[in-house]
Amino acid sequence: MSGTGEDYVYTTNEAINAVWVLVSTCIIFFMQTGFTFVECGSVREKNYKSTLIKNIFIAEIGIIAFWLVGYGIAFGLDQNIIIGTRAGYFSSVGFT
């Protein structure tokens, strides 16, 4: 990358979108923690470790799925189209 950091300044709308995505992500991970506590409280003591591992695995799968497809669906919108169609927003961009 050439140039200075001043070349990559967000507009106000882009900055608001970025902050909203970060806040929403934090809320979702706190919800995942709450679900983990509920599930660990409702199983026997010998099974809580498998519940913790399952919830960590679900969070990892969710992160990878959002990276692969979700970002393109959420932000790759053209006008008057519901689901994102811009190819540059999906993770497969640049692969030959």
PDB file of N, CA and C in Angstrom:
ATOM      1  N   MET A   1       0.826  -1.171   0.000  1.00  0.00           N
ATOM      2  CA  MET A   1       0.000   0.000   0.000  1.00  0.00           C
ATOM      3  C   MET A   1       0.875   1.241   0.000  1.00  0.00           C
ATOM      4  N   SER A   2       0.579   2.089  -0.910  1.00  0.00           N
ATOM      5  CA  SER A   2       1.308   3.338  -0.947  1.00  0.00           C
ATOM      6  C   SER A   2       0.400   4.461  -0.487  1.00  0.00           C
ATOM      7  N   GLY A   3       0.989   5.554  -0.115  1.00  0.00           N
ATOM      8  CA  GLY A   3       0.194   6.690   0.333  1.00  0.00           C
ATOM      9  C   GLY A   3       0.170   6.766   1.840  1.00  0.00           C
ATOM     10  N   THR A   4      -0.502   7.788   2.303  1.00  0.00           N
ATOM     11  CA  THR A   4      -0.583   8.002   3.744  1.00  0.00           C
ATOM     12  C   THR A   4      -1.924   7.526   4.265  1.00  0.00           C
ATOM     13  N   GLY A   5      -2.080   7.581   5.554  1.00  0.00           N
ATOM     14  CA  GLY A   5      -3.335   7.197   6.168  1.00  0.00           C
ATOM     15  C   GLY A   5      -4.463   8.152   5.842  1.00  0.00           C
ATOM     16  N   GLU A   6      -4.124   9.344   5.417  1.00  0.00           N
ATOM     17  CA  GLU A   6      -5.149  10.323   5.076  1.00  0.00           C
ATOM     18  C   GLU A   6      -5.929   9.913   3.835  1.00  0.00           C
ATOM     19  N   ASP A   7      -5.377   9.018   3.024  1.00  0.00           N
ATOM     20  CA  ASP A   7      -6.078   8.556   1.832  1.00  0.00           C
ATOM     21  C   ASP A   7      -7.222   7.609   2.169  1.00  0.00           C
ATOM     22  N   TYR A   8      -7.264   7.095   3.386  1.00  0.00           N
ATOM     23  CA  TYR A   8      -8.235   6.078   3.761  1.00  0.00           C
ATOM     24  C   TYR A   8      -9.176   6.565   4.864  1.00  0.00           C
ATOM     25  N   VAL A   9      -9.576   7.798   4.807  1.00  0.00           N
ATOM     26  CA  VAL A   9     -10.469   8.357   5.810  1.00  0.00           C
ATOM     27  C   VAL A   9     -11.905   7.978   5.460  1.00  0.00           C
ATOM     28  N   TYR A  10     -12.647   7.512   6.464  1.00  0.00           N
ATOM     29  CA  TYR A  10     -14.038   7.132   6.265  1.00  0.00           C
ATOM     30  C   TYR A  10     -14.927   8.367   6.177  1.00  0.00           C
ATOM     31  N   THR A  11     -16.001   8.234   5.416  1.00  0.00           N
ATOM     32  CA  THR A  11     -17.041   9.252   5.473  1.00  0.00           C
ATOM     33  C   THR A  11     -17.820   9.047   6.757  1.00  0.00           C
ATOM     34  N   THR A  12     -18.686   9.987   7.077  1.00  0.00           N
ATOM     35  CA  THR A  12     -19.462   9.873   8.314  1.00  0.00           C
ATOM     36  C   THR A  12     -20.355   8.643   8.301  1.00  0.00           C
ATOM     37  N   ASN A  13     -21.016   8.372   7.186  1.00  0.00           N
ATOM     38  CA  ASN A  13     -21.886   7.195   7.114  1.00  0.00           C
ATOM     39  C   ASN A  13     -21.108   5.900   7.241  1.00  0.00           C
ATOM     40  N   GLU A  14     -19.933   5.815   6.616  1.00  0.00           N
ATOM     41  CA  GLU A  14     -19.112   4.608   6.734  1.00  0.00           C
ATOM     42  C   GLU A  14     -18.626   4.413   8.157  1.00  0.00           C
ATOM     43  N   ALA A  15     -18.274   5.492   8.831  1.00  0.00           N
ATOM     44  CA  ALA A  15     -17.819   5.391  10.223  1.00  0.00           C
ATOM     45  C   ALA A  15     -18.953   4.942  11.134  1.00  0.00           C
ATOM     46  N   ILE A  16     -20.148   5.486  10.918  1.00  0.00           N
ATOM     47  CA  ILE A  16     -21.297   5.071  11.722  1.00  0.00           C
ATOM     48  C   ILE A  16     -21.599   3.595  11.485  1.00  0.00           C
ATOM     49  N   ASN A  17     -21.544   3.142  10.235  1.00  0.00           N
ATOM     50  CA  ASN A  17     -21.772   1.722   9.936  1.00  0.00           C
ATOM     51  C   ASN A  17     -20.732   0.835  10.606  1.00  0.00           C
ATOM     52  N   ALA A  18     -19.461   1.252  10.578  1.00  0.00           N
ATOM     53  CA  ALA A  18     -18.401   0.448  11.182  1.00  0.00           C
ATOM     54  C   ALA A  18     -18.593   0.337  12.691  1.00  0.00           C
ATOM     55  N   VAL A  19     -18.928   1.444  13.339  1.00  0.00           N
ATOM     56  CA  VAL A  19     -19.150   1.418  14.792  1.00  0.00           C
ATOM     57  C   VAL A  19     -20.366   0.561  15.120  1.00  0.00           C
ATOM     58  N   TRP A  20     -21.428   0.662  14.329  1.00  0.00           N
ATOM     59  CA  TRP A  20     -22.630  -0.135  14.588  1.00  0.00           C
ATOM     60  C   TRP A  20     -22.342  -1.631  14.449  1.00  0.00           C
ATOM     61  N   VAL A  21     -21.544  -2.003  13.450  1.00  0.00           N
ATOM     62  CA  VAL A  21     -21.193  -3.419  13.279  1.00  0.00           C
ATOM     63  C   VAL A  21     -20.376  -3.907  14.476  1.00  0.00           C
ATOM     64  N   LEU A  22     -19.451  -3.100  14.969  1.00  0.00           N
ATOM     65  CA  LEU A  22     -18.654  -3.495  16.132  1.00  0.00           C
ATOM     66  C   LEU A  22     -19.517  -3.631  17.387  1.00  0.00           C
ATOM     67  N   VAL A  23     -20.412  -2.681  17.612  1.00  0.00           N
ATOM     68  CA  VAL A  23     -21.293  -2.747  18.785  1.00  0.00           C
ATOM     69  C   VAL A  23     -22.202  -3.970  18.693  1.00  0.00           C
ATOM     70  N   SER A  24     -22.763  -4.212  17.520  1.00  0.00           N
ATOM     71  CA  SER A  24     -23.635  -5.376  17.339  1.00  0.00           C
ATOM     72  C   SER A  24     -22.873  -6.676  17.555  1.00  0.00           C
ATOM     73  N   THR A  25     -21.643  -6.734  17.092  1.00  0.00           N
ATOM     74  CA  THR A  25     -20.821  -7.922  17.295  1.00  0.00           C
ATOM     75  C   THR A  25     -20.573  -8.175  18.775  1.00  0.00           C
ATOM     76  N   CYS A  26     -20.277  -7.118  19.523  1.00  0.00           N
ATOM     77  CA  CYS A  26     -20.071  -7.282  20.972  1.00  0.00           C
ATOM     78  C   CYS A  26     -21.338  -7.779  21.650  1.00  0.00           C
ATOM     79  N   ILE A  27     -22.483  -7.239  21.262  1.00  0.00           N
ATOM     80  CA  ILE A  27     -23.747  -7.685  21.848  1.00  0.00           C
ATOM     81  C   ILE A  27     -23.996  -9.160  21.543  1.00  0.00           C
ATOM     82  N   ILE A  28     -23.703  -9.571  20.319  1.00  0.00           N
ATOM     83  CA  ILE A  28     -23.919 -10.972  19.942  1.00  0.00           C
ATOM     84  C   ILE A  28     -23.014 -11.900  20.747  1.00  0.00           C
ATOM     85  N   PHE A  29     -21.756 -11.499  20.964  1.00  0.00           N
ATOM     86  CA  PHE A  29     -20.871 -12.358  21.744  1.00  0.00           C
ATOM     87  C   PHE A  29     -21.281 -12.396  23.213  1.00  0.00           C
ATOM     88  N   PHE A  30     -21.829 -11.310  23.755  1.00  0.00           N
ATOM     89  CA  PHE A  30     -22.349 -11.362  25.114  1.00  0.00           C
ATOM     90  C   PHE A  30     -23.584 -12.253  25.193  1.00  0.00           C
ATOM     91  N   MET A  31     -24.410 -12.259  24.143  1.00  0.00           N
ATOM     92  CA  MET A  31     -25.545 -13.179  24.106  1.00  0.00           C
ATOM     93  C   MET A  31     -25.056 -14.620  24.081  1.00  0.00           C
ATOM     94  N   GLN A  32     -24.012 -14.892  23.321  1.00  0.00           N
ATOM     95  CA  GLN A  32     -23.449 -16.242  23.258  1.00  0.00           C
ATOM     96  C   GLN A  32     -22.952 -16.673  24.644  1.00  0.00           C
ATOM     97  N   THR A  33     -22.360 -15.739  25.368  1.00  0.00           N
ATOM     98  CA  THR A  33     -21.908 -16.044  26.728  1.00  0.00           C
ATOM     99  C   THR A  33     -23.093 -16.374  27.633  1.00  0.00           C
ATOM    100  N   GLY A  34     -24.179 -15.620  27.500  1.00  0.00           N
ATOM    101  CA  GLY A  34     -25.376 -15.898  28.298  1.00  0.00           C
ATOM    102  C   GLY A  34     -25.972 -17.255  27.981  1.00  0.00           C
ATOM    103  N   PHE A  35     -26.023 -17.609  26.696  1.00  0.00           N
ATOM    104  CA  PHE A  35     -26.522 -18.937  26.322  1.00  0.00           C
ATOM    105  C   PHE A  35     -25.631 -20.025  26.906  1.00  0.00           C
ATOM    106  N   THR A  36     -24.337 -19.789  26.920  1.00  0.00           N
ATOM    107  CA  THR A  36     -23.411 -20.769  27.491  1.00  0.00           C
ATOM    108  C   THR A  36     -23.691 -20.962  28.978  1.00  0.00           C
ATOM    109  N   PHE A  37     -23.906 -19.865  29.703  1.00  0.00           N
ATOM    110  CA  PHE A  37     -24.214 -19.981  31.136  1.00  0.00           C
ATOM    111  C   PHE A  37     -25.515 -20.742  31.364  1.00  0.00           C
ATOM    112  N   VAL A  38     -26.519 -20.456  30.551  1.00  0.00           N
ATOM    113  CA  VAL A  38     -27.803 -21.154  30.701  1.00  0.00           C
ATOM    114  C   VAL A  38     -27.629 -22.639  30.434  1.00  0.00           C
ATOM    115  N   GLU A  39     -26.905 -22.978  29.367  1.00  0.00           N
ATOM    116  CA  GLU A  39     -26.730 -24.385  29.028  1.00  0.00           C
ATOM    117  C   GLU A  39     -25.882 -25.104  30.069  1.00  0.00           C
ATOM    118  N   CYS A  40     -24.845 -24.453  30.567  1.00  0.00           N
ATOM    119  CA  CYS A  40     -24.012 -25.100  31.591  1.00  0.00           C
ATOM    120  C   CYS A  40     -24.778 -25.268  32.902  1.00  0.00           C
ATOM    121  N   GLY A  41     -25.708 -24.379  33.171  1.00  0.00           N
ATOM    122  CA  GLY A  41     -26.506 -24.502  34.386  1.00  0.00           C
ATOM    123  C   GLY A  41     -27.584 -25.557  34.290  1.00  0.00           C
ATOM    124  N   SER A  42     -27.890 -25.997  33.079  1.00  0.00           N
ATOM    125  CA  SER A  42     -28.975 -26.965  32.930  1.00  0.00           C
ATOM    126  C   SER A  42     -28.489 -28.379  32.611  1.00  0.00           C
ATOM    127  N   VAL A  43     -27.185 -28.606  32.658  1.00  0.00           N
ATOM    128  CA  VAL A  43     -26.667 -29.956  32.445  1.00  0.00           C
ATOM    129  C   VAL A  43     -25.945 -30.410  33.707  1.00  0.00           C
ATOM    130  N   ARG A  44     -25.647 -31.691  33.751  1.00  0.00           N
ATOM    131  CA  ARG A  44     -24.911 -32.216  34.894  1.00  0.00           C
ATOM    132  C   ARG A  44     -23.470 -31.710  34.857  1.00  0.00           C
ATOM    133  N   GLU A  45     -22.840 -31.761  36.025  1.00  0.00           N
ATOM    134  CA  GLU A  45     -21.497 -31.216  36.152  1.00  0.00           C
ATOM    135  C   GLU A  45     -20.498 -31.910  35.235  1.00  0.00           C
ATOM    136  N   LYS A  46     -20.690 -33.177  34.987  1.00  0.00           N
ATOM    137  CA  LYS A  46     -19.742 -33.906  34.151  1.00  0.00           C
ATOM    138  C   LYS A  46     -19.841 -33.509  32.676  1.00  0.00           C
ATOM    139  N   ASN A  47     -20.931 -32.842  32.264  1.00  0.00           N
ATOM    140  CA  ASN A  47     -21.137 -32.513  30.857  1.00  0.00           C
ATOM    141  C   ASN A  47     -20.900 -31.047  30.510  1.00  0.00           C
ATOM    142  N   TYR A  48     -20.536 -30.210  31.453  1.00  0.00           N
ATOM    143  CA  TYR A  48     -20.431 -28.784  31.164  1.00  0.00           C
ATOM    144  C   TYR A  48     -19.271 -28.467  30.224  1.00  0.00           C
ATOM    145  N   LYS A  49     -18.207 -29.263  30.261  1.00  0.00           N
ATOM    146  CA  LYS A  49     -17.061 -28.992  29.378  1.00  0.00           C
ATOM    147  C   LYS A  49     -17.431 -29.178  27.911  1.00  0.00           C
ATOM    148  N   SER A  50     -18.212 -30.180  27.614  1.00  0.00           N
ATOM    149  CA  SER A  50     -18.631 -30.382  26.228  1.00  0.00           C
ATOM    150  C   SER A  50     -19.557 -29.250  25.778  1.00  0.00           C
ATOM    151  N   THR A  51     -20.352 -28.712  26.679  1.00  0.00           N
ATOM    152  CA  THR A  51     -21.212 -27.573  26.350  1.00  0.00           C
ATOM    153  C   THR A  51     -20.370 -26.341  26.049  1.00  0.00           C
ATOM    154  N   LEU A  52     -19.334 -26.110  26.829  1.00  0.00           N
ATOM    155  CA  LEU A  52     -18.442 -24.972  26.576  1.00  0.00           C
ATOM    156  C   LEU A  52     -17.738 -25.112  25.225  1.00  0.00           C
ATOM    157  N   ILE A  53     -17.242 -26.292  24.937  1.00  0.00           N
ATOM    158  CA  ILE A  53     -16.559 -26.525  23.663  1.00  0.00           C
ATOM    159  C   ILE A  53     -17.511 -26.341  22.494  1.00  0.00           C
ATOM    160  N   LYS A  54     -18.742 -26.835  22.638  1.00  0.00           N
ATOM    161  CA  LYS A  54     -19.742 -26.688  21.582  1.00  0.00           C
ATOM    162  C   LYS A  54     -20.023 -25.215  21.295  1.00  0.00           C
ATOM    163  N   ASN A  55     -20.153 -24.399  22.330  1.00  0.00           N
ATOM    164  CA  ASN A  55     -20.444 -22.982  22.137  1.00  0.00           C
ATOM    165  C   ASN A  55     -19.263 -22.229  21.538  1.00  0.00           C
ATOM    166  N   ILE A  56     -18.058 -22.591  21.889  1.00  0.00           N
ATOM    167  CA  ILE A  56     -16.879 -21.987  21.258  1.00  0.00           C
ATOM    168  C   ILE A  56     -16.833 -22.359  19.785  1.00  0.00           C
ATOM    169  N   PHE A  57     -17.138 -23.615  19.478  1.00  0.00           N
ATOM    170  CA  PHE A  57     -17.148 -24.083  18.094  1.00  0.00           C
ATOM    171  C   PHE A  57     -18.205 -23.343  17.272  1.00  0.00           C
ATOM    172  N   ILE A  58     -19.377 -23.136  17.847  1.00  0.00           N
ATOM    173  CA  ILE A  58     -20.449 -22.421  17.150  1.00  0.00           C
ATOM    174  C   ILE A  58     -20.025 -20.989  16.860  1.00  0.00           C
ATOM    175  N   ALA A  59     -19.365 -20.333  17.805  1.00  0.00           N
ATOM    176  CA  ALA A  59     -18.904 -18.959  17.584  1.00  0.00           C
ATOM    177  C   ALA A  59     -17.863 -18.916  16.469  1.00  0.00           C
ATOM    178  N   GLU A  60     -16.947 -19.873  16.447  1.00  0.00           N
ATOM    179  CA  GLU A  60     -15.926 -19.902  15.387  1.00  0.00           C
ATOM    180  C   GLU A  60     -16.550 -20.126  14.018  1.00  0.00           C
ATOM    181  N   ILE A  61     -17.509 -21.027  13.924  1.00  0.00           N
ATOM    182  CA  ILE A  61     -18.196 -21.276  12.657  1.00  0.00           C
ATOM    183  C   ILE A  61     -18.944 -20.022  12.204  1.00  0.00           C
ATOM    184  N   GLY A  62     -19.565 -19.315  13.131  1.00  0.00           N
ATOM    185  CA  GLY A  62     -20.262 -18.081  12.796  1.00  0.00           C
ATOM    186  C   GLY A  62     -19.337 -17.005  12.266  1.00  0.00           C
ATOM    187  N   ILE A  63     -18.159 -16.880  12.854  1.00  0.00           N
ATOM    188  CA  ILE A  63     -17.175 -15.898  12.390  1.00  0.00           C
ATOM    189  C   ILE A  63     -16.722 -16.228  10.975  1.00  0.00           C
ATOM    190  N   ILE A  64     -16.413 -17.480  10.733  1.00  0.00           N
ATOM    191  CA  ILE A  64     -15.945 -17.887   9.397  1.00  0.00           C
ATOM    192  C   ILE A  64     -17.058 -17.722   8.365  1.00  0.00           C
ATOM    193  N   ALA A  65     -18.287 -18.069   8.726  1.00  0.00           N
ATOM    194  CA  ALA A  65     -19.405 -17.925   7.787  1.00  0.00           C
ATOM    195  C   ALA A  65     -19.663 -16.461   7.457  1.00  0.00           C
ATOM    196  N   PHE A  66     -19.555 -15.582   8.450  1.00  0.00           N
ATOM    197  CA  PHE A  66     -19.747 -14.162   8.163  1.00  0.00           C
ATOM    198  C   PHE A  66     -18.639 -13.654   7.259  1.00  0.00           C
ATOM    199  N   TRP A  67     -17.408 -14.110   7.474  1.00  0.00           N
ATOM    200  CA  TRP A  67     -16.300 -13.693   6.621  1.00  0.00           C
ATOM    201  C   TRP A  67     -16.503 -14.188   5.189  1.00  0.00           C
ATOM    202  N   LEU A  68     -16.953 -15.429   5.037  1.00  0.00           N
ATOM    203  CA  LEU A  68     -17.126 -15.995   3.699  1.00  0.00           C
ATOM    204  C   LEU A  68     -18.290 -15.371   2.938  1.00  0.00           C
ATOM    205  N   VAL A  69     -19.439 -15.266   3.579  1.00  0.00           N
ATOM    206  CA  VAL A  69     -20.649 -14.908   2.859  1.00  0.00           C
ATOM    207  C   VAL A  69     -21.373 -13.706   3.461  1.00  0.00           C
ATOM    208  N   GLY A  70     -21.425 -13.612   4.752  1.00  0.00           N
ATOM    209  CA  GLY A  70     -22.274 -12.632   5.424  1.00  0.00           C
ATOM    210  C   GLY A  70     -21.942 -11.189   5.125  1.00  0.00           C
ATOM    211  N   TYR A  71     -20.669 -10.858   5.058  1.00  0.00           N
ATOM    212  CA  TYR A  71     -20.293  -9.472   4.787  1.00  0.00           C
ATOM    213  C   TYR A  71     -20.764  -9.041   3.408  1.00  0.00           C
ATOM    214  N   GLY A  72     -20.632  -9.919   2.429  1.00  0.00           N
ATOM    215  CA  GLY A  72     -21.097  -9.600   1.080  1.00  0.00           C
ATOM    216  C   GLY A  72     -22.597  -9.428   1.011  1.00  0.00           C
ATOM    217  N   ILE A  73     -23.325 -10.225   1.782  1.00  0.00           N
ATOM    218  CA  ILE A  73     -24.784 -10.086   1.808  1.00  0.00           C
ATOM    219  C   ILE A  73     -25.175  -8.799   2.526  1.00  0.00           C
ATOM    220  N   ALA A  74     -24.486  -8.482   3.608  1.00  0.00           N
ATOM    221  CA  ALA A  74     -24.858  -7.317   4.399  1.00  0.00           C
ATOM    222  C   ALA A  74     -24.473  -5.999   3.734  1.00  0.00           C
ATOM    223  N   PHE A  75     -23.309  -5.934   3.096  1.00  0.00           N
ATOM    224  CA  PHE A  75     -22.816  -4.655   2.599  1.00  0.00           C
ATOM    225  C   PHE A  75     -22.650  -4.595   1.089  1.00  0.00           C
ATOM    226  N   GLY A  76     -22.837  -5.674   0.378  1.00  0.00           N
ATOM    227  CA  GLY A  76     -22.675  -5.668  -1.069  1.00  0.00           C
ATOM    228  C   GLY A  76     -23.960  -5.378  -1.804  1.00  0.00           C
ATOM    229  N   LEU A  77     -24.692  -4.390  -1.351  1.00  0.00           N
ATOM    230  CA  LEU A  77     -26.009  -4.105  -1.902  1.00  0.00           C
ATOM    231  C   LEU A  77     -25.928  -3.138  -3.075  1.00  0.00           C
ATOM    232  N   ASP A  78     -26.680  -3.437  -4.106  1.00  0.00           N
ATOM    233  CA  ASP A  78     -26.956  -2.488  -5.169  1.00  0.00           C
ATOM    234  C   ASP A  78     -28.323  -1.879  -4.871  1.00  0.00           C
ATOM    235  N   GLN A  79     -28.645  -0.824  -5.558  1.00  0.00           N
ATOM    236  CA  GLN A  79     -29.944  -0.212  -5.311  1.00  0.00           C
ATOM    237  C   GLN A  79     -31.063  -1.135  -5.769  1.00  0.00           C
ATOM    238  N   ASN A  80     -32.141  -1.152  -5.006  1.00  0.00           N
ATOM    239  CA  ASN A  80     -33.362  -1.911  -5.295  1.00  0.00           C
ATOM    240  C   ASN A  80     -33.157  -3.420  -5.305  1.00  0.00           C
ATOM    241  N   ILE A  81     -32.116  -3.919  -4.652  1.00  0.00           N
ATOM    242  CA  ILE A  81     -31.882  -5.354  -4.554  1.00  0.00           C
ATOM    243  C   ILE A  81     -31.768  -5.695  -3.064  1.00  0.00           C
ATOM    244  N   ILE A  82     -32.369  -6.783  -2.656  1.00  0.00           N
ATOM    245  CA  ILE A  82     -32.416  -7.124  -1.234  1.00  0.00           C
ATOM    246  C   ILE A  82     -31.114  -7.755  -0.774  1.00  0.00           C
ATOM    247  N   ILE A  83     -30.605  -8.730  -1.511  1.00  0.00           N
ATOM    248  CA  ILE A  83     -29.401  -9.460  -1.108  1.00  0.00           C
ATOM    249  C   ILE A  83     -28.216  -8.944  -1.914  1.00  0.00           C
ATOM    250  N   GLY A  84     -27.054  -8.845  -1.261  1.00  0.00           N
ATOM    251  CA  GLY A  84     -25.870  -8.299  -1.908  1.00  0.00           C
ATOM    252  C   GLY A  84     -25.448  -9.058  -3.151  1.00  0.00           C
ATOM    253  N   THR A  85     -25.094  -8.320  -4.189  1.00  0.00           N
ATOM    254  CA  THR A  85     -24.690  -8.934  -5.450  1.00  0.00           C
ATOM    255  C   THR A  85     -23.322  -8.463  -5.922  1.00  0.00           C
ATOM    256  N   ARG A  86     -22.699  -7.534  -5.243  1.00  0.00           N
ATOM    257  CA  ARG A  86     -21.386  -7.067  -5.666  1.00  0.00           C
ATOM    258  C   ARG A  86     -20.337  -8.123  -5.317  1.00  0.00           C
ATOM    259  N   ALA A  87     -19.646  -8.608  -6.319  1.00  0.00           N
ATOM    260  CA  ALA A  87     -18.698  -9.711  -6.112  1.00  0.00           C
ATOM    261  C   ALA A  87     -17.508  -9.300  -5.267  1.00  0.00           C
ATOM    262  N   GLY A  88     -17.129  -8.041  -5.276  1.00  0.00           N
ATOM    263  CA  GLY A  88     -15.972  -7.577  -4.523  1.00  0.00           C
ATOM    264  C   GLY A  88     -16.129  -7.632  -3.026  1.00  0.00           C
ATOM    265  N   TYR A  89     -17.335  -7.836  -2.527  1.00  0.00           N
ATOM    266  CA  TYR A  89     -17.579  -7.859  -1.090  1.00  0.00           C
ATOM    267  C   TYR A  89     -17.519  -9.251  -0.498  1.00  0.00           C
ATOM    268  N   PHE A  90     -17.458 -10.269  -1.313  1.00  0.00           N
ATOM    269  CA  PHE A  90     -17.387 -11.639  -0.810  1.00  0.00           C
ATOM    270  C   PHE A  90     -15.931 -12.067  -0.672  1.00  0.00           C
ATOM    271  N   SER A  91     -15.654 -13.073   0.135  1.00  0.00           N
ATOM    272  CA  SER A  91     -14.271 -13.463   0.424  1.00  0.00           C
ATOM    273  C   SER A  91     -13.558 -14.066  -0.774  1.00  0.00           C
ATOM    274  N   SER A  92     -14.282 -14.496  -1.783  1.00  0.00           N
ATOM    275  CA  SER A  92     -13.649 -15.137  -2.933  1.00  0.00           C
ATOM    276  C   SER A  92     -13.059 -14.142  -3.923  1.00  0.00           C
ATOM    277  N   VAL A  93     -13.156 -12.848  -3.653  1.00  0.00           N
ATOM    278  CA  VAL A  93     -12.640 -11.868  -4.585  1.00  0.00           C
ATOM    279  C   VAL A  93     -11.106 -11.996  -4.667  1.00  0.00           C
ATOM    280  N   GLY A  94     -10.580 -11.950  -5.858  1.00  0.00           N
ATOM    281  CA  GLY A  94      -9.134 -12.013  -6.051  1.00  0.00           C
ATOM    282  C   GLY A  94      -8.576 -13.410  -6.224  1.00  0.00           C
ATOM    283  N   PHE A  95      -9.385 -14.438  -6.026  1.00  0.00           N
ATOM    284  CA  PHE A  95      -8.899 -15.797  -6.237  1.00  0.00           C
ATOM    285  C   PHE A  95      -8.930 -16.120  -7.732  1.00  0.00           C
ATOM    286  N   THR A  96      -7.908 -16.795  -8.207  1.00  0.00           N
ATOM    287  CA  THR A  96      -7.900 -17.164  -9.624  1.00  0.00           C
ATOM    288  C   THR A  96      -8.147 -18.646  -9.785  1.00  0.00           C
TER     289      THR A  96
END
